[in-house]
PDB file of N, CA and C in Angstrom:
ATOM      1  N   MET A   1       0.823  -1.193   0.000  1.00  0.00           N
ATOM      2  CA  MET A   1       0.000   0.000   0.000  1.00  0.00           C
ATOM      3  C   MET A   1       0.872   1.264   0.000  1.00  0.00           C
ATOM      4  N   HIS A   2       1.917   1.256   0.823  1.00  0.00           N
ATOM      5  CA  HIS A   2       2.789   2.426   0.917  1.00  0.00           C
ATOM      6  C   HIS A   2       3.469   2.728  -0.417  1.00  0.00           C
ATOM      7  N   LEU A   3       3.890   1.712  -1.120  1.00  0.00           N
ATOM      8  CA  LEU A   3       4.546   1.921  -2.416  1.00  0.00           C
ATOM      9  C   LEU A   3       3.585   2.519  -3.431  1.00  0.00           C
ATOM     10  N   MET A   4       2.321   2.113  -3.407  1.00  0.00           N
ATOM     11  CA  MET A   4       1.337   2.673  -4.324  1.00  0.00           C
ATOM     12  C   MET A   4       1.132   4.160  -4.052  1.00  0.00           C
ATOM     13  N   LEU A   5       1.092   4.526  -2.788  1.00  0.00           N
ATOM     14  CA  LEU A   5       0.926   5.935  -2.441  1.00  0.00           C
ATOM     15  C   LEU A   5       2.149   6.752  -2.857  1.00  0.00           C
ATOM     16  N   GLU A   6       3.311   6.178  -2.672  1.00  0.00           N
ATOM     17  CA  GLU A   6       4.546   6.879  -3.043  1.00  0.00           C
ATOM     18  C   GLU A   6       4.622   7.101  -4.552  1.00  0.00           C
ATOM     19  N   GLU A   7       4.187   6.127  -5.337  1.00  0.00           N
ATOM     20  CA  GLU A   7       4.218   6.261  -6.794  1.00  0.00           C
ATOM     21  C   GLU A   7       3.213   7.292  -7.286  1.00  0.00           C
ATOM     22  N   ALA A   8       2.100   7.434  -6.578  1.00  0.00           N
ATOM     23  CA  ALA A   8       1.062   8.383  -6.985  1.00  0.00           C
ATOM     24  C   ALA A   8       1.413   9.812  -6.589  1.00  0.00           C
ATOM     25  N   ARG A   9       2.386   9.973  -5.734  1.00  0.00           N
ATOM     26  CA  ARG A   9       2.785  11.302  -5.271  1.00  0.00           C
ATOM     27  C   ARG A   9       3.419  12.090  -6.410  1.00  0.00           C
ATOM     28  N   PRO A  10       3.023  13.366  -6.580  1.00  0.00           N
ATOM     29  CA  PRO A  10       3.615  14.162  -7.668  1.00  0.00           C
ATOM     30  C   PRO A  10       5.107  14.403  -7.444  1.00  0.00           C
ATOM     31  N   GLU A  11       5.834  14.473  -8.536  1.00  0.00           N
ATOM     32  CA  GLU A  11       7.262  14.765  -8.445  1.00  0.00           C
ATOM     33  C   GLU A  11       7.470  16.238  -8.130  1.00  0.00           C
ATOM     34  N   LYS A  12       8.587  16.534  -7.480  1.00  0.00           N
ATOM     35  CA  LYS A  12       8.909  17.926  -7.193  1.00  0.00           C
ATOM     36  C   LYS A  12       9.532  18.572  -8.418  1.00  0.00           C
ATOM     37  N   ILE A  13       9.257  19.852  -8.581  1.00  0.00           N
ATOM     38  CA  ILE A  13       9.801  20.612  -9.695  1.00  0.00           C
ATOM     39  C   ILE A  13      10.861  21.552  -9.124  1.00  0.00           C
ATOM     40  N   SER A  14      12.052  21.499  -9.647  1.00  0.00           N
ATOM     41  CA  SER A  14      13.129  22.365  -9.200  1.00  0.00           C
ATOM     42  C   SER A  14      13.141  23.626 -10.061  1.00  0.00           C
ATOM     43  N   LEU A  15      12.922  24.775  -9.423  1.00  0.00           N
ATOM     44  CA  LEU A  15      12.899  26.043 -10.142  1.00  0.00           C
ATOM     45  C   LEU A  15      14.107  26.888  -9.756  1.00  0.00           C
ATOM     46  N   PRO A  16      14.571  27.734 -10.662  1.00  0.00           N
ATOM     47  CA  PRO A  16      15.697  28.611 -10.331  1.00  0.00           C
ATOM     48  C   PRO A  16      15.242  29.760  -9.434  1.00  0.00           C
ATOM     49  N   ASN A  17      16.202  30.478  -8.875  1.00  0.00           N
ATOM     50  CA  ASN A  17      15.904  31.696  -8.139  1.00  0.00           C
ATOM     51  C   ASN A  17      15.268  32.677  -9.126  1.00  0.00           C
ATOM     52  N   LEU A  18      14.177  33.310  -8.741  1.00  0.00           N
ATOM     53  CA  LEU A  18      13.443  34.177  -9.666  1.00  0.00           C
ATOM     54  C   LEU A  18      13.905  35.625  -9.588  1.00  0.00           C
ATOM     55  N   GLY A  19      15.207  35.840  -9.500  1.00  0.00           N
ATOM     56  CA  GLY A  19      15.759  37.165  -9.323  1.00  0.00           C
ATOM     57  C   GLY A  19      15.897  37.998 -10.583  1.00  0.00           C
ATOM     58  N   ASP A  20      15.860  37.399 -11.748  1.00  0.00           N
ATOM     59  CA  ASP A  20      15.981  38.190 -12.973  1.00  0.00           C
ATOM     60  C   ASP A  20      15.039  37.644 -14.052  1.00  0.00           C
ATOM     61  N   ALA A  21      14.935  38.373 -15.138  1.00  0.00           N
ATOM     62  CA  ALA A  21      13.979  38.033 -16.191  1.00  0.00           C
ATOM     63  C   ALA A  21      14.278  36.674 -16.827  1.00  0.00           C
ATOM     64  N   ASN A  22      15.546  36.367 -17.050  1.00  0.00           N
ATOM     65  CA  ASN A  22      15.887  35.079 -17.663  1.00  0.00           C
ATOM     66  C   ASN A  22      15.486  33.913 -16.773  1.00  0.00           C
ATOM     67  N   ALA A  23      15.656  34.067 -15.473  1.00  0.00           N
ATOM     68  CA  ALA A  23      15.260  33.013 -14.544  1.00  0.00           C
ATOM     69  C   ALA A  23      13.743  32.820 -14.563  1.00  0.00           C
ATOM     70  N   ILE A  24      13.005  33.920 -14.681  1.00  0.00           N
ATOM     71  CA  ILE A  24      11.544  33.826 -14.733  1.00  0.00           C
ATOM     72  C   ILE A  24      11.112  33.089 -15.990  1.00  0.00           C
ATOM     73  N   TYR A  25      11.728  33.429 -17.125  1.00  0.00           N
ATOM     74  CA  TYR A  25      11.403  32.715 -18.363  1.00  0.00           C
ATOM     75  C   TYR A  25      11.724  31.222 -18.232  1.00  0.00           C
ATOM     76  N   GLY A  26      12.856  30.913 -17.607  1.00  0.00           N
ATOM     77  CA  GLY A  26      13.225  29.514 -17.398  1.00  0.00           C
ATOM     78  C   GLY A  26      12.236  28.790 -16.501  1.00  0.00           C
ATOM     79  N   ALA A  27      11.799  29.467 -15.447  1.00  0.00           N
ATOM     80  CA  ALA A  27      10.827  28.867 -14.526  1.00  0.00           C
ATOM     81  C   ALA A  27       9.483  28.646 -15.215  1.00  0.00           C
ATOM     82  N   ILE A  28       9.084  29.594 -16.048  1.00  0.00           N
ATOM     83  CA  ILE A  28       7.828  29.435 -16.793  1.00  0.00           C
ATOM     84  C   ILE A  28       7.934  28.232 -17.727  1.00  0.00           C
ATOM     85  N   ALA A  29       9.075  28.090 -18.402  1.00  0.00           N
ATOM     86  CA  ALA A  29       9.260  26.951 -19.306  1.00  0.00           C
ATOM     87  C   ALA A  29       9.251  25.631 -18.543  1.00  0.00           C
ATOM     88  N   LYS A  30       9.934  25.581 -17.399  1.00  0.00           N
ATOM     89  CA  LYS A  30       9.944  24.362 -16.595  1.00  0.00           C
ATOM     90  C   LYS A  30       8.553  24.044 -16.062  1.00  0.00           C
ATOM     91  N   GLY A  31       7.851  25.055 -15.602  1.00  0.00           N
ATOM     92  CA  GLY A  31       6.498  24.851 -15.096  1.00  0.00           C
ATOM     93  C   GLY A  31       5.557  24.372 -16.180  1.00  0.00           C
ATOM     94  N   ALA A  32       5.667  24.959 -17.363  1.00  0.00           N
ATOM     95  CA  ALA A  32       4.816  24.542 -18.479  1.00  0.00           C
ATOM     96  C   ALA A  32       5.112  23.100 -18.877  1.00  0.00           C
ATOM     97  N   GLN A  33       6.389  22.740 -18.920  1.00  0.00           N
ATOM     98  CA  GLN A  33       6.751  21.366 -19.270  1.00  0.00           C
ATOM     99  C   GLN A  33       6.235  20.387 -18.224  1.00  0.00           C
ATOM    100  N   ALA A  34       6.301  20.772 -16.955  1.00  0.00           N
ATOM    101  CA  ALA A  34       5.795  19.906 -15.891  1.00  0.00           C
ATOM    102  C   ALA A  34       4.291  19.690 -16.030  1.00  0.00           C
ATOM    103  N   VAL A  35       3.565  20.747 -16.398  1.00  0.00           N
ATOM    104  CA  VAL A  35       2.115  20.619 -16.595  1.00  0.00           C
ATOM    105  C   VAL A  35       1.825  19.680 -17.756  1.00  0.00           C
ATOM    106  N   VAL A  36       2.565  19.834 -18.838  1.00  0.00           N
ATOM    107  CA  VAL A  36       2.377  18.956 -20.000  1.00  0.00           C
ATOM    108  C   VAL A  36       2.687  17.506 -19.624  1.00  0.00           C
ATOM    109  N   ASP A  37       3.711  17.308 -18.792  1.00  0.00           N
ATOM    110  CA  ASP A  37       4.088  15.958 -18.368  1.00  0.00           C
ATOM    111  C   ASP A  37       3.145  15.402 -17.306  1.00  0.00           C
ATOM    112  N   GLY A  38       2.244  16.236 -16.794  1.00  0.00           N
ATOM    113  CA  GLY A  38       1.280  15.776 -15.797  1.00  0.00           C
ATOM    114  C   GLY A  38       1.837  15.647 -14.398  1.00  0.00           C
ATOM    115  N   LYS A  39       2.927  16.337 -14.087  1.00  0.00           N
ATOM    116  CA  LYS A  39       3.544  16.213 -12.759  1.00  0.00           C
ATOM    117  C   LYS A  39       2.736  16.916 -11.674  1.00  0.00           C
ATOM    118  N   PRO A  40       2.414  18.197 -11.815  1.00  0.00           N
ATOM    119  CA  PRO A  40       1.625  18.816 -10.743  1.00  0.00           C
ATOM    120  C   PRO A  40       0.132  18.586 -10.966  1.00  0.00           C
ATOM    121  N   ASP A  41      -0.621  18.556  -9.867  1.00  0.00           N
ATOM    122  CA  ASP A  41      -2.067  18.498 -10.021  1.00  0.00           C
ATOM    123  C   ASP A  41      -2.579  19.911 -10.294  1.00  0.00           C
ATOM    124  N   TYR A  42      -3.878  20.034 -10.472  1.00  0.00           N
ATOM    125  CA  TYR A  42      -4.457  21.321 -10.862  1.00  0.00           C
ATOM    126  C   TYR A  42      -4.154  22.407  -9.830  1.00  0.00           C
ATOM    127  N   LYS A  43      -4.283  22.087  -8.563  1.00  0.00           N
ATOM    128  CA  LYS A  43      -4.059  23.076  -7.503  1.00  0.00           C
ATOM    129  C   LYS A  43      -2.597  23.531  -7.490  1.00  0.00           C
ATOM    130  N   GLN A  44      -1.674  22.594  -7.591  1.00  0.00           N
ATOM    131  CA  GLN A  44      -0.256  22.944  -7.597  1.00  0.00           C
ATOM    132  C   GLN A  44       0.099  23.780  -8.821  1.00  0.00           C
ATOM    133  N   ALA A  45      -0.431  23.416  -9.972  1.00  0.00           N
ATOM    134  CA  ALA A  45      -0.156  24.170 -11.194  1.00  0.00           C
ATOM    135  C   ALA A  45      -0.712  25.587 -11.092  1.00  0.00           C
ATOM    136  N   SER A  46      -1.878  25.737 -10.487  1.00  0.00           N
ATOM    137  CA  SER A  46      -2.478  27.065 -10.312  1.00  0.00           C
ATOM    138  C   SER A  46      -1.628  27.936  -9.398  1.00  0.00           C
ATOM    139  N   ILE A  47      -1.167  27.357  -8.301  1.00  0.00           N
ATOM    140  CA  ILE A  47      -0.331  28.109  -7.359  1.00  0.00           C
ATOM    141  C   ILE A  47       0.991  28.483  -8.019  1.00  0.00           C
ATOM    142  N   LEU A  48       1.590  27.554  -8.751  1.00  0.00           N
ATOM    143  CA  LEU A  48       2.837  27.847  -9.457  1.00  0.00           C
ATOM    144  C   LEU A  48       2.643  28.995 -10.439  1.00  0.00           C
ATOM    145  N   GLY A  49       1.572  28.957 -11.216  1.00  0.00           N
ATOM    146  CA  GLY A  49       1.288  30.034 -12.166  1.00  0.00           C
ATOM    147  C   GLY A  49       1.113  31.375 -11.476  1.00  0.00           C
ATOM    148  N   TYR A  50       0.439  31.368 -10.342  1.00  0.00           N
ATOM    149  CA  TYR A  50       0.228  32.611  -9.595  1.00  0.00           C
ATOM    150  C   TYR A  50       1.557  33.197  -9.117  1.00  0.00           C
ATOM    151  N   TYR A  51       2.421  32.367  -8.550  1.00  0.00           N
ATOM    152  CA  TYR A  51       3.703  32.877  -8.056  1.00  0.00           C
ATOM    153  C   TYR A  51       4.627  33.316  -9.188  1.00  0.00           C
ATOM    154  N   LEU A  52       4.567  32.647 -10.314  1.00  0.00           N
ATOM    155  CA  LEU A  52       5.361  33.105 -11.459  1.00  0.00           C
ATOM    156  C   LEU A  52       4.834  34.438 -11.983  1.00  0.00           C
ATOM    157  N   GLN A  53       3.527  34.619 -11.918  1.00  0.00           N
ATOM    158  CA  GLN A  53       2.942  35.902 -12.317  1.00  0.00           C
ATOM    159  C   GLN A  53       3.408  37.009 -11.375  1.00  0.00           C
ATOM    160  N   LEU A  54       3.426  36.734 -10.071  1.00  0.00           N
ATOM    161  CA  LEU A  54       3.906  37.729  -9.112  1.00  0.00           C
ATOM    162  C   LEU A  54       5.371  38.094  -9.379  1.00  0.00           C
ATOM    163  N   ALA A  55       6.189  37.085  -9.655  1.00  0.00           N
ATOM    164  CA  ALA A  55       7.607  37.345  -9.935  1.00  0.00           C
ATOM    165  C   ALA A  55       7.766  38.173 -11.198  1.00  0.00           C
ATOM    166  N   ALA A  56       6.989  37.871 -12.227  1.00  0.00           N
ATOM    167  CA  ALA A  56       7.082  38.617 -13.479  1.00  0.00           C
ATOM    168  C   ALA A  56       6.633  40.067 -13.280  1.00  0.00           C
ATOM    169  N   GLU A  57       5.607  40.278 -12.474  1.00  0.00           N
ATOM    170  CA  GLU A  57       5.133  41.644 -12.240  1.00  0.00           C
ATOM    171  C   GLU A  57       6.171  42.487 -11.507  1.00  0.00           C
ATOM    172  N   GLN A  58       7.045  41.860 -10.740  1.00  0.00           N
ATOM    173  CA  GLN A  58       8.098  42.597 -10.057  1.00  0.00           C
ATOM    174  C   GLN A  58       9.140  43.130 -11.046  1.00  0.00           C
ATOM    175  N   HIS A  59       9.300  42.446 -12.177  1.00  0.00           N
ATOM    176  CA  HIS A  59      10.282  42.880 -13.170  1.00  0.00           C
ATOM    177  C   HIS A  59       9.696  43.753 -14.259  1.00  0.00           C
ATOM    178  N   TRP A  60       8.405  43.540 -14.547  1.00  0.00           N
ATOM    179  CA  TRP A  60       7.752  44.318 -15.599  1.00  0.00           C
ATOM    180  C   TRP A  60       6.433  44.864 -15.078  1.00  0.00           C
ATOM    181  N   PRO A  61       6.456  45.808 -14.136  1.00  0.00           N
ATOM    182  CA  PRO A  61       5.198  46.290 -13.551  1.00  0.00           C
ATOM    183  C   PRO A  61       4.305  46.966 -14.596  1.00  0.00           C
ATOM    184  N   GLY A  62       3.026  46.652 -14.536  1.00  0.00           N
ATOM    185  CA  GLY A  62       2.055  47.278 -15.422  1.00  0.00           C
ATOM    186  C   GLY A  62       1.986  46.707 -16.814  1.00  0.00           C
ATOM    187  N   GLU A  63       2.781  45.715 -17.153  1.00  0.00           N
ATOM    188  CA  GLU A  63       2.774  45.155 -18.503  1.00  0.00           C
ATOM    189  C   GLU A  63       1.956  43.887 -18.596  1.00  0.00           C
ATOM    190  N   PHE A  64       1.311  43.466 -17.522  1.00  0.00           N
ATOM    191  CA  PHE A  64       0.504  42.239 -17.558  1.00  0.00           C
ATOM    192  C   PHE A  64      -0.937  42.566 -17.354  1.00  0.00           C
TER     193      PHE A  64
END
């Protein structure tokens, strides 16, 4: 039973520090690929998208 639960657990996504624009683009690409691969569930993907949006707004205020 424990092994079945462990296999069903979503994999962790390693994101870079979101300190500059290139890192944000990289994180968006990694997050998008993870969604396509089915790694995060809907709630995790939504939260990831929200935090990436916040990071992007810090670098490009008013452009979103």
